[in-house]
Amino acid sequence: ATDDSPAVPEHTTVETPTNMSPENKANFLAEKEAIHLILTGIRDDIYSTVDACQTAQEM
């Protein structure tokens, strides 16, 4: 832009699942599922470790 051109106000659009492109929505859903699987797997792993601990079983 030059000094004599009119100013264009900045406009920000928040991308949500309802207004995402199909490609972005597919990536968003895949990432969401991956995060869910990682968090669920960590919980199961921690549970298995504690469950296998003899001291924890005695408590």
PDB file of N, CA and C in Angstrom:
ATOM      1  N   ALA A   1       0.847  -1.187   0.000  1.00  0.00           N
ATOM      2  CA  ALA A   1       0.000   0.000   0.000  1.00  0.00           C
ATOM      3  C   ALA A   1       0.878   1.232   0.000  1.00  0.00           C
ATOM      4  N   THR A   2       0.339   2.251  -0.559  1.00  0.00           N
ATOM      5  CA  THR A   2       1.064   3.519  -0.579  1.00  0.00           C
ATOM      6  C   THR A   2       0.421   4.470   0.418  1.00  0.00           C
ATOM      7  N   ASP A   3       1.112   5.590   0.648  1.00  0.00           N
ATOM      8  CA  ASP A   3       0.613   6.555   1.629  1.00  0.00           C
ATOM      9  C   ASP A   3      -0.730   7.166   1.229  1.00  0.00           C
ATOM     10  N   ASP A   4      -0.988   7.292  -0.093  1.00  0.00           N
ATOM     11  CA  ASP A   4      -2.234   7.927  -0.521  1.00  0.00           C
ATOM     12  C   ASP A   4      -3.372   6.926  -0.766  1.00  0.00           C
ATOM     13  N   SER A   5      -3.132   5.648  -0.526  1.00  0.00           N
ATOM     14  CA  SER A   5      -4.209   4.661  -0.698  1.00  0.00           C
ATOM     15  C   SER A   5      -5.058   4.616   0.572  1.00  0.00           C
ATOM     16  N   PRO A   6      -6.360   4.318   0.419  1.00  0.00           N
ATOM     17  CA  PRO A   6      -7.215   4.268   1.613  1.00  0.00           C
ATOM     18  C   PRO A   6      -6.842   3.089   2.509  1.00  0.00           C
ATOM     19  N   ALA A   7      -6.988   3.293   3.797  1.00  0.00           N
ATOM     20  CA  ALA A   7      -6.664   2.235   4.760  1.00  0.00           C
ATOM     21  C   ALA A   7      -7.738   1.154   4.700  1.00  0.00           C
ATOM     22  N   VAL A   8      -7.307  -0.074   4.780  1.00  0.00           N
ATOM     23  CA  VAL A   8      -8.233  -1.203   4.804  1.00  0.00           C
ATOM     24  C   VAL A   8      -8.234  -1.740   6.228  1.00  0.00           C
ATOM     25  N   PRO A   9      -9.394  -1.754   6.871  1.00  0.00           N
ATOM     26  CA  PRO A   9      -9.419  -2.249   8.249  1.00  0.00           C
ATOM     27  C   PRO A   9      -9.073  -3.736   8.306  1.00  0.00           C
ATOM     28  N   GLU A  10      -8.336  -4.095   9.334  1.00  0.00           N
ATOM     29  CA  GLU A  10      -7.951  -5.494   9.508  1.00  0.00           C
ATOM     30  C   GLU A  10      -9.173  -6.293   9.942  1.00  0.00           C
ATOM     31  N   HIS A  11      -9.330  -7.463   9.350  1.00  0.00           N
ATOM     32  CA  HIS A  11     -10.476  -8.314   9.673  1.00  0.00           C
ATOM     33  C   HIS A  11      -9.962  -9.719   9.956  1.00  0.00           C
ATOM     34  N   THR A  12     -10.295 -10.244  11.109  1.00  0.00           N
ATOM     35  CA  THR A  12      -9.875 -11.589  11.490  1.00  0.00           C
ATOM     36  C   THR A  12     -11.104 -12.473  11.592  1.00  0.00           C
ATOM     37  N   THR A  13     -11.044 -13.630  10.937  1.00  0.00           N
ATOM     38  CA  THR A  13     -12.134 -14.595  11.015  1.00  0.00           C
ATOM     39  C   THR A  13     -11.632 -15.814  11.763  1.00  0.00           C
ATOM     40  N   VAL A  14     -12.330 -16.187  12.810  1.00  0.00           N
ATOM     41  CA  VAL A  14     -11.964 -17.369  13.584  1.00  0.00           C
ATOM     42  C   VAL A  14     -12.487 -18.594  12.851  1.00  0.00           C
ATOM     43  N   GLU A  15     -11.596 -19.550  12.625  1.00  0.00           N
ATOM     44  CA  GLU A  15     -11.990 -20.769  11.926  1.00  0.00           C
ATOM     45  C   GLU A  15     -12.529 -21.771  12.945  1.00  0.00           C
ATOM     46  N   THR A  16     -13.750 -22.198  12.738  1.00  0.00           N
ATOM     47  CA  THR A  16     -14.389 -23.194  13.593  1.00  0.00           C
ATOM     48  C   THR A  16     -14.781 -24.384  12.727  1.00  0.00           C
ATOM     49  N   PRO A  17     -15.080 -25.525  13.329  1.00  0.00           N
ATOM     50  CA  PRO A  17     -15.480 -26.688  12.519  1.00  0.00           C
ATOM     51  C   PRO A  17     -16.671 -26.405  11.597  1.00  0.00           C
ATOM     52  N   THR A  18     -17.525 -25.472  11.958  1.00  0.00           N
ATOM     53  CA  THR A  18     -18.687 -25.193  11.107  1.00  0.00           C
ATOM     54  C   THR A  18     -18.344 -24.392   9.861  1.00  0.00           C
ATOM     55  N   ASN A  19     -17.237 -23.633   9.888  1.00  0.00           N
ATOM     56  CA  ASN A  19     -16.887 -22.849   8.703  1.00  0.00           C
ATOM     57  C   ASN A  19     -15.553 -23.266   8.082  1.00  0.00           C
ATOM     58  N   MET A  20     -15.037 -24.436   8.439  1.00  0.00           N
ATOM     59  CA  MET A  20     -13.784 -24.938   7.869  1.00  0.00           C
ATOM     60  C   MET A  20     -14.017 -25.528   6.484  1.00  0.00           C
ATOM     61  N   SER A  21     -12.968 -25.481   5.685  1.00  0.00           N
ATOM     62  CA  SER A  21     -13.024 -26.184   4.404  1.00  0.00           C
ATOM     63  C   SER A  21     -13.032 -27.680   4.703  1.00  0.00           C
ATOM     64  N   PRO A  22     -13.536 -28.500   3.789  1.00  0.00           N
ATOM     65  CA  PRO A  22     -13.558 -29.951   4.036  1.00  0.00           C
ATOM     66  C   PRO A  22     -12.172 -30.527   4.345  1.00  0.00           C
ATOM     67  N   GLU A  23     -11.139 -30.021   3.672  1.00  0.00           N
ATOM     68  CA  GLU A  23      -9.775 -30.510   3.913  1.00  0.00           C
ATOM     69  C   GLU A  23      -9.304 -30.138   5.319  1.00  0.00           C
ATOM     70  N   ASN A  24      -9.520 -28.892   5.721  1.00  0.00           N
ATOM     71  CA  ASN A  24      -9.118 -28.468   7.069  1.00  0.00           C
ATOM     72  C   ASN A  24      -9.914 -29.201   8.137  1.00  0.00           C
ATOM     73  N   LYS A  25     -11.200 -29.435   7.876  1.00  0.00           N
ATOM     74  CA  LYS A  25     -12.034 -30.138   8.844  1.00  0.00           C
ATOM     75  C   LYS A  25     -11.559 -31.576   9.013  1.00  0.00           C
ATOM     76  N   ALA A  26     -11.174 -32.237   7.905  1.00  0.00           N
ATOM     77  CA  ALA A  26     -10.660 -33.605   7.985  1.00  0.00           C
ATOM     78  C   ALA A  26      -9.374 -33.645   8.799  1.00  0.00           C
ATOM     79  N   ASN A  27      -8.483 -32.671   8.584  1.00  0.00           N
ATOM     80  CA  ASN A  27      -7.237 -32.605   9.361  1.00  0.00           C
ATOM     81  C   ASN A  27      -7.522 -32.342  10.833  1.00  0.00           C
ATOM     82  N   PHE A  28      -8.449 -31.442  11.113  1.00  0.00           N
ATOM     83  CA  PHE A  28      -8.825 -31.119  12.490  1.00  0.00           C
ATOM     84  C   PHE A  28      -9.360 -32.356  13.207  1.00  0.00           C
ATOM     85  N   LEU A  29     -10.263 -33.088  12.551  1.00  0.00           N
ATOM     86  CA  LEU A  29     -10.852 -34.274  13.177  1.00  0.00           C
ATOM     87  C   LEU A  29      -9.815 -35.377  13.381  1.00  0.00           C
ATOM     88  N   ALA A  30      -8.887 -35.536  12.423  1.00  0.00           N
ATOM     89  CA  ALA A  30      -7.835 -36.544  12.569  1.00  0.00           C
ATOM     90  C   ALA A  30      -6.913 -36.193  13.736  1.00  0.00           C
ATOM     91  N   GLU A  31      -6.570 -34.919  13.864  1.00  0.00           N
ATOM     92  CA  GLU A  31      -5.704 -34.490  14.972  1.00  0.00           C
ATOM     93  C   GLU A  31      -6.423 -34.654  16.308  1.00  0.00           C
ATOM     94  N   LYS A  32      -7.704 -34.326  16.334  1.00  0.00           N
ATOM     95  CA  LYS A  32      -8.500 -34.483  17.552  1.00  0.00           C
ATOM     96  C   LYS A  32      -8.537 -35.951  17.981  1.00  0.00           C
ATOM     97  N   GLU A  33      -8.729 -36.856  17.034  1.00  0.00           N
ATOM     98  CA  GLU A  33      -8.760 -38.290  17.334  1.00  0.00           C
ATOM     99  C   GLU A  33      -7.392 -38.775  17.818  1.00  0.00           C
ATOM    100  N   ALA A  34      -6.309 -38.280  17.199  1.00  0.00           N
ATOM    101  CA  ALA A  34      -4.958 -38.673  17.611  1.00  0.00           C
ATOM    102  C   ALA A  34      -4.685 -38.240  19.050  1.00  0.00           C
ATOM    103  N   ILE A  35      -5.078 -37.022  19.389  1.00  0.00           N
ATOM    104  CA  ILE A  35      -4.884 -36.538  20.759  1.00  0.00           C
ATOM    105  C   ILE A  35      -5.676 -37.394  21.735  1.00  0.00           C
ATOM    106  N   HIS A  36      -6.902 -37.722  21.376  1.00  0.00           N
ATOM    107  CA  HIS A  36      -7.736 -38.568  22.236  1.00  0.00           C
ATOM    108  C   HIS A  36      -7.082 -39.934  22.460  1.00  0.00           C
ATOM    109  N   LEU A  37      -6.575 -40.541  21.383  1.00  0.00           N
ATOM    110  CA  LEU A  37      -5.941 -41.856  21.511  1.00  0.00           C
ATOM    111  C   LEU A  37      -4.685 -41.797  22.371  1.00  0.00           C
ATOM    112  N   ILE A  38      -3.906 -40.745  22.209  1.00  0.00           N
ATOM    113  CA  ILE A  38      -2.685 -40.598  23.014  1.00  0.00           C
ATOM    114  C   ILE A  38      -3.046 -40.459  24.493  1.00  0.00           C
ATOM    115  N   LEU A  39      -4.009 -39.600  24.795  1.00  0.00           N
ATOM    116  CA  LEU A  39      -4.385 -39.395  26.200  1.00  0.00           C
ATOM    117  C   LEU A  39      -5.010 -40.643  26.803  1.00  0.00           C
ATOM    118  N   THR A  40      -5.821 -41.335  26.055  1.00  0.00           N
ATOM    119  CA  THR A  40      -6.427 -42.570  26.550  1.00  0.00           C
ATOM    120  C   THR A  40      -5.359 -43.628  26.772  1.00  0.00           C
ATOM    121  N   GLY A  41      -4.412 -43.725  25.859  1.00  0.00           N
ATOM    122  CA  GLY A  41      -3.338 -44.703  25.982  1.00  0.00           C
ATOM    123  C   GLY A  41      -2.465 -44.446  27.187  1.00  0.00           C
ATOM    124  N   ILE A  42      -2.207 -43.188  27.481  1.00  0.00           N
ATOM    125  CA  ILE A  42      -1.392 -42.849  28.648  1.00  0.00           C
ATOM    126  C   ILE A  42      -2.112 -43.286  29.920  1.00  0.00           C
ATOM    127  N   ARG A  43      -3.401 -43.016  29.983  1.00  0.00           N
ATOM    128  CA  ARG A  43      -4.154 -43.407  31.174  1.00  0.00           C
ATOM    129  C   ARG A  43      -4.132 -44.918  31.361  1.00  0.00           C
ATOM    130  N   ASP A  44      -4.339 -45.668  30.295  1.00  0.00           N
ATOM    131  CA  ASP A  44      -4.322 -47.127  30.385  1.00  0.00           C
ATOM    132  C   ASP A  44      -2.946 -47.627  30.814  1.00  0.00           C
ATOM    133  N   ASP A  45      -1.898 -46.990  30.290  1.00  0.00           N
ATOM    134  CA  ASP A  45      -0.536 -47.393  30.624  1.00  0.00           C
ATOM    135  C   ASP A  45      -0.258 -47.145  32.100  1.00  0.00           C
ATOM    136  N   ILE A  46      -0.653 -45.990  32.585  1.00  0.00           N
ATOM    137  CA  ILE A  46      -0.447 -45.682  34.003  1.00  0.00           C
ATOM    138  C   ILE A  46      -1.251 -46.646  34.864  1.00  0.00           C
ATOM    139  N   TYR A  47      -2.491 -46.918  34.481  1.00  0.00           N
ATOM    140  CA  TYR A  47      -3.323 -47.854  35.242  1.00  0.00           C
ATOM    141  C   TYR A  47      -2.667 -49.233  35.287  1.00  0.00           C
ATOM    142  N   SER A  48      -2.162 -49.704  34.155  1.00  0.00           N
ATOM    143  CA  SER A  48      -1.530 -51.025  34.101  1.00  0.00           C
ATOM    144  C   SER A  48      -0.295 -51.086  34.986  1.00  0.00           C
ATOM    145  N   THR A  49       0.477 -49.999  35.009  1.00  0.00           N
ATOM    146  CA  THR A  49       1.682 -49.956  35.839  1.00  0.00           C
ATOM    147  C   THR A  49       1.318 -50.026  37.318  1.00  0.00           C
ATOM    148  N   VAL A  50       0.336 -49.241  37.728  1.00  0.00           N
ATOM    149  CA  VAL A  50      -0.079 -49.238  39.131  1.00  0.00           C
ATOM    150  C   VAL A  50      -0.725 -50.570  39.494  1.00  0.00           C
ATOM    151  N   ASP A  51      -1.531 -51.109  38.586  1.00  0.00           N
ATOM    152  CA  ASP A  51      -2.215 -52.378  38.832  1.00  0.00           C
ATOM    153  C   ASP A  51      -1.212 -53.517  39.016  1.00  0.00           C
ATOM    154  N   ALA A  52      -0.079 -53.448  38.329  1.00  0.00           N
ATOM    155  CA  ALA A  52       0.929 -54.499  38.424  1.00  0.00           C
ATOM    156  C   ALA A  52       1.816 -54.345  39.657  1.00  0.00           C
ATOM    157  N   CYS A  53       1.751 -53.198  40.333  1.00  0.00           N
ATOM    158  CA  CYS A  53       2.600 -52.933  41.492  1.00  0.00           C
ATOM    159  C   CYS A  53       2.016 -53.615  42.730  1.00  0.00           C
ATOM    160  N   GLN A  54       2.783 -54.481  43.355  1.00  0.00           N
ATOM    161  CA  GLN A  54       2.321 -55.236  44.519  1.00  0.00           C
ATOM    162  C   GLN A  54       1.957 -54.311  45.673  1.00  0.00           C
ATOM    163  N   THR A  55       2.741 -53.259  45.897  1.00  0.00           N
ATOM    164  CA  THR A  55       2.457 -52.327  46.987  1.00  0.00           C
ATOM    165  C   THR A  55       1.128 -51.617  46.757  1.00  0.00           C
ATOM    166  N   ALA A  56       0.860 -51.227  45.529  1.00  0.00           N
ATOM    167  CA  ALA A  56      -0.401 -50.553  45.212  1.00  0.00           C
ATOM    168  C   ALA A  56      -1.581 -51.489  45.426  1.00  0.00           C
ATOM    169  N   GLN A  57      -1.408 -52.762  45.128  1.00  0.00           N
ATOM    170  CA  GLN A  57      -2.495 -53.727  45.310  1.00  0.00           C
ATOM    171  C   GLN A  57      -2.810 -53.916  46.789  1.00  0.00           C
ATOM    172  N   GLU A  58      -1.792 -53.825  47.642  1.00  0.00           N
ATOM    173  CA  GLU A  58      -1.993 -53.993  49.076  1.00  0.00           C
ATOM    174  C   GLU A  58      -2.720 -52.803  49.685  1.00  0.00           C
ATOM    175  N   MET A  59      -2.625 -51.648  49.067  1.00  0.00           N
ATOM    176  CA  MET A  59      -3.286 -50.451  49.586  1.00  0.00           C
ATOM    177  C   MET A  59      -4.730 -50.562  49.243  1.00  0.00           C
TER     178      MET A  59
END
